Protein backbone atom coordinates (compact mmCIF):
# COMPACT_ATOMS: atom_id res chain seq x y z
CA UNK A 1 0.33 -46.34 -1.30
CA UNK A 2 0.31 -43.14 0.49
CA UNK A 3 -2.33 -40.13 -0.04
CA UNK A 4 -1.12 -36.66 -0.97
CA UNK A 5 -1.23 -34.16 2.00
CA UNK A 6 -3.44 -31.77 2.00
CA UNK A 7 -1.63 -28.55 0.59
CA UNK A 8 -2.90 -24.58 0.40
CA UNK A 9 -3.21 -22.47 -2.39
CA UNK A 10 -3.40 -18.85 -1.86
CA UNK A 11 -4.73 -16.41 -4.26
CA UNK A 12 -4.23 -12.81 -3.28
CA UNK A 13 -6.13 -10.76 -5.50
CA UNK A 14 -7.53 -7.04 -5.51
CA UNK A 15 -11.73 -7.46 -7.23
CA UNK A 16 -10.37 -3.99 -8.99
CA UNK A 17 -7.24 -5.22 -9.64
CA UNK A 18 -6.77 -4.74 -13.96
CA UNK A 19 -4.44 -8.13 -14.38
CA UNK A 20 -6.90 -10.25 -11.70
CA UNK A 21 -9.20 -9.39 -15.02
CA UNK A 22 -6.75 -10.31 -17.67
CA UNK A 23 -5.87 -13.79 -15.43
CA UNK A 24 -9.51 -14.36 -14.50
CA UNK A 25 -9.77 -17.15 -17.39
CA UNK A 26 -6.92 -18.62 -17.42
CA UNK A 27 -7.53 -18.95 -13.51
CA UNK A 28 -10.91 -20.58 -14.20
CA UNK A 29 -9.11 -23.28 -15.73
CA UNK A 30 -5.94 -23.57 -13.04
CA UNK A 31 -9.29 -24.28 -10.19
CA UNK A 32 -10.91 -26.92 -12.58
CA UNK A 33 -7.54 -29.31 -13.24
CA UNK A 34 -6.55 -28.80 -9.23
CA UNK A 35 -6.42 -31.92 -7.19
CA UNK A 36 -8.77 -32.46 -4.29
CA UNK A 37 -6.20 -32.19 -1.77
CA UNK A 38 -5.46 -28.93 -2.69
CA UNK A 39 -7.45 -26.58 -1.09
CA UNK A 40 -8.02 -22.39 -2.78
CA UNK A 41 -7.94 -20.24 -0.45
CA UNK A 42 -8.68 -16.20 -1.81
CA UNK A 43 -6.93 -13.21 0.22
CA UNK A 44 -7.34 -9.77 0.04
CA UNK A 45 -4.33 -7.47 -1.12
CA UNK A 46 -6.30 -4.23 -0.82
CA UNK A 47 -4.90 -2.05 -3.89
CA UNK A 48 -5.35 1.21 -2.87
CA UNK A 49 -6.86 2.22 0.69
CA UNK A 50 -10.47 4.54 1.06
CA UNK A 51 -10.42 7.75 -0.57
CA UNK A 52 -13.13 10.63 -1.37
CA UNK A 53 -10.90 12.17 -3.88
CA UNK A 54 -11.59 12.10 -7.49
CA UNK A 55 -8.76 10.90 -9.50
CA UNK A 56 -6.39 12.54 -11.33
CA UNK A 57 -6.79 13.18 -15.22
CA UNK A 58 -3.20 11.53 -15.17
CA UNK A 59 -3.43 8.84 -13.19
CA UNK A 60 -6.49 8.33 -15.33
CA UNK A 61 -4.96 8.26 -18.28
CA UNK A 62 -2.03 5.75 -16.59
CA UNK A 63 -4.55 3.05 -15.68
CA UNK A 64 -6.82 3.19 -18.89
CA UNK A 65 -2.93 2.74 -20.69
CA UNK A 66 -2.37 0.10 -18.25
CA UNK A 67 -5.40 -1.76 -19.48
CA UNK A 68 -4.90 -1.25 -22.97
CA UNK A 69 -0.92 -2.84 -22.29
CA UNK A 70 -3.12 -6.05 -20.62
CA UNK A 71 -5.53 -6.30 -23.87
CA UNK A 72 -1.99 -6.14 -25.44
CA UNK A 73 -0.55 -8.81 -23.03
CA UNK A 74 -3.64 -11.07 -22.94
CA UNK A 75 -5.49 -10.96 -26.00
CA UNK A 76 -9.33 -11.16 -25.87
CA UNK A 77 -9.57 -9.75 -22.42
CA UNK A 78 -12.69 -7.01 -22.63
CA UNK A 79 -12.13 -3.32 -20.92
CA UNK A 80 -15.66 -0.80 -21.85
CA UNK A 81 -13.65 2.44 -21.65
CA UNK A 82 -16.60 4.40 -21.65
CA UNK A 83 -16.14 3.84 -16.97
CA UNK A 84 -13.53 6.89 -17.63
CA UNK A 85 -16.32 8.91 -19.54
CA UNK A 86 -19.40 7.97 -17.45
CA UNK A 87 -18.17 7.53 -14.00
CA UNK A 88 -15.91 10.06 -11.71
CA UNK A 89 -13.01 7.49 -11.48
CA UNK A 90 -11.61 7.49 -7.27
CA UNK A 91 -8.52 5.26 -6.60
CA UNK A 92 -9.98 3.53 -3.88
CA UNK A 93 -10.44 0.16 -3.83
CA UNK A 94 -11.14 -0.91 -0.35
CA UNK A 95 -14.42 -1.06 -0.78
CA UNK A 96 -15.20 -3.53 -3.22
CA UNK A 97 -12.48 -5.60 -1.31
CA UNK A 98 -14.71 -5.06 2.15
CA UNK A 99 -17.62 -6.19 -0.16
CA UNK A 100 -16.50 -9.43 -1.18
CA UNK A 101 -15.89 -9.60 2.92
CA UNK A 102 -19.34 -9.01 3.52
CA UNK A 103 -21.07 -11.03 0.68
CA UNK A 104 -18.43 -13.57 2.99
CA UNK A 105 -20.43 -13.40 5.72
CA UNK A 106 -23.80 -13.43 4.15
CA UNK A 107 -23.33 -15.95 2.39
CA UNK A 108 -19.71 -17.64 1.98
CA UNK A 109 -20.71 -19.79 -1.14
CA UNK A 110 -21.35 -16.81 -2.85
CA UNK A 111 -17.34 -15.09 -2.71
CA UNK A 112 -17.06 -16.52 -6.56
CA UNK A 113 -19.60 -14.64 -7.66
CA UNK A 114 -19.22 -11.27 -5.47
CA UNK A 115 -15.84 -10.86 -7.39
CA UNK A 116 -17.35 -11.70 -11.11
CA UNK A 117 -20.48 -9.23 -10.52
CA UNK A 118 -17.85 -6.78 -8.83
CA UNK A 119 -15.44 -7.20 -12.18
CA UNK A 120 -18.03 -7.32 -14.60
CA UNK A 121 -19.57 -4.18 -13.35
CA UNK A 122 -16.02 -2.12 -13.32
CA UNK A 123 -14.81 -3.42 -16.95
CA UNK A 124 -17.50 -4.52 -18.59
CA UNK A 125 -20.64 -2.25 -17.37
CA UNK A 126 -18.80 1.06 -16.71
CA UNK A 127 -19.87 0.78 -13.34
CA UNK A 128 -18.23 2.50 -10.30
CA UNK A 129 -16.93 -0.22 -7.28
CA UNK A 130 -15.86 2.28 -5.33
CA UNK A 131 -19.03 3.13 -4.85
CA UNK A 132 -20.77 2.01 -1.54
CA UNK A 133 -24.06 2.38 -4.01
CA UNK A 134 -22.91 0.21 -6.82
CA UNK A 135 -21.40 -2.45 -4.16
CA UNK A 136 -25.08 -2.62 -2.54
CA UNK A 137 -27.29 -2.68 -5.89
CA UNK A 138 -24.71 -5.74 -7.13
CA UNK A 139 -24.98 -7.60 -3.82
CA UNK A 140 -29.12 -6.89 -3.91
CA UNK A 141 -29.18 -8.29 -7.85
CA UNK A 142 -27.13 -11.98 -5.76
CA UNK A 143 -30.62 -12.28 -3.46
CA UNK A 144 -28.89 -11.07 -0.27
CA UNK A 145 -29.88 -8.88 2.21
CA UNK A 146 -29.58 -5.37 1.57
CA UNK A 147 -29.45 -3.93 4.37
CA UNK A 148 -27.33 -6.46 6.35
CA UNK A 149 -25.09 -6.49 3.54
CA UNK A 150 -24.75 -2.75 3.67
CA UNK A 151 -24.38 -2.80 7.73
CA UNK A 152 -21.30 -5.42 6.94
CA UNK A 153 -19.92 -3.06 4.13
CA UNK A 154 -19.24 -0.15 7.01
CA UNK A 155 -18.35 -2.86 9.65
CA UNK A 156 -15.15 -1.71 11.45
CA UNK A 157 -15.13 -5.56 12.05
CA UNK A 158 -15.19 -6.33 8.21
CA UNK A 159 -12.61 -3.50 7.95
CA UNK A 160 -10.26 -5.05 10.57
CA UNK A 161 -10.56 -8.25 8.23
CA UNK A 162 -9.32 -7.05 5.57
CA UNK A 163 -6.06 -5.40 7.12
CA UNK A 164 -5.33 -8.79 8.53
CA UNK A 165 -5.56 -10.51 5.30
CA UNK A 166 -3.93 -6.85 3.68
CA UNK A 167 -0.85 -8.34 6.26
CA UNK A 168 -1.34 -11.79 5.78
CA UNK A 169 -0.50 -11.52 2.09
CA UNK A 170 2.11 -8.68 3.07
CA UNK A 171 3.67 -11.82 5.13
CA UNK A 172 4.46 -14.71 2.73
CA UNK A 173 5.89 -11.95 0.27
CA UNK A 174 3.12 -11.02 -1.62
CA UNK A 175 4.03 -7.82 -3.84
CA UNK A 176 1.20 -7.48 -6.75
CA UNK A 177 -2.01 -9.27 -8.15
CA UNK A 178 -3.02 -11.92 -8.70
CA UNK A 179 -0.03 -13.68 -6.69
CA UNK A 180 -0.40 -17.10 -6.06
CA UNK A 181 1.03 -19.26 -3.18
CA UNK A 182 1.34 -22.56 -2.24
CA UNK A 183 1.48 -23.96 1.34
CA UNK A 184 3.13 -27.71 1.46
CA UNK A 185 4.34 -29.38 4.71
CA UNK A 186 5.09 -26.04 6.29
CA UNK A 187 6.54 -24.71 3.62
CA UNK A 188 4.81 -21.85 1.44
CA UNK A 189 6.31 -20.38 -1.65
CA UNK A 190 5.34 -18.80 -4.61
CA UNK A 191 3.54 -19.75 -7.88
CA UNK A 192 5.05 -17.91 -11.42
CA UNK A 193 1.90 -17.02 -13.42
CA UNK A 194 1.60 -17.68 -16.72
CA UNK A 195 -1.40 -14.84 -18.27
CA UNK A 196 -2.07 -17.08 -21.34
CA UNK A 197 -1.80 -21.00 -21.01
CA UNK A 198 -3.14 -22.52 -17.56
CA UNK A 199 -0.37 -25.31 -17.94
CA UNK A 200 2.43 -24.29 -16.70
CA UNK A 201 1.13 -22.77 -13.16
CA UNK A 202 -0.75 -26.17 -12.77
CA UNK A 203 2.26 -27.86 -13.84
CA UNK A 204 4.27 -25.97 -11.09
CA UNK A 205 1.38 -26.62 -8.60
CA UNK A 206 1.73 -30.09 -9.23
CA UNK A 207 5.26 -31.06 -8.90
CA UNK A 208 6.34 -28.34 -6.51
CA UNK A 209 8.58 -29.84 -3.16
CA UNK A 210 9.43 -28.38 -0.15
CA UNK A 211 13.03 -26.48 -0.50
CA UNK A 212 15.36 -28.39 1.43
CA UNK A 213 16.89 -27.43 4.27
């Protein structure tokens, strides 16, 4: 009996993407049921570049509206709308993306933990992950060396790594977050997502075959 060849499942995300937050419970269930021959690789897609400019009120209202839309589309998704009153929002998610890379460099097994920490800080605790001090605080709570993390957060090499991941996500066809792509036998294909049920997405992953040429 032949063993199944190893495959790679690319999960394209941004820790400050609200749809990624909404998809999180289903994604956790999918991960738990993946066979051992499918390796998951997280790729940062980079939703919004660095900016020091306060987010215009109209944009704040638009994004708060997306949160409400997600709550309708994915019941039981929690958002703390106090964020919009308690913080000065900026349309800037690159710092949070670099934080994931900085943690990965220092302690790779905490990559998923920092992603979850950023999401909870943003969506539940009305903290602003566009700010470096928020990210440094979160890293410290994980027991990481804050000085080392802070240095990596600002390093050009970290920004270079983020750009590489953004370029890779674009090269395989990612146009939004979250996106999922399965690489098997030299072919990469888009995986359709169901935001409320894990089984349709899982079935596609398990049954997907490379296209015939």
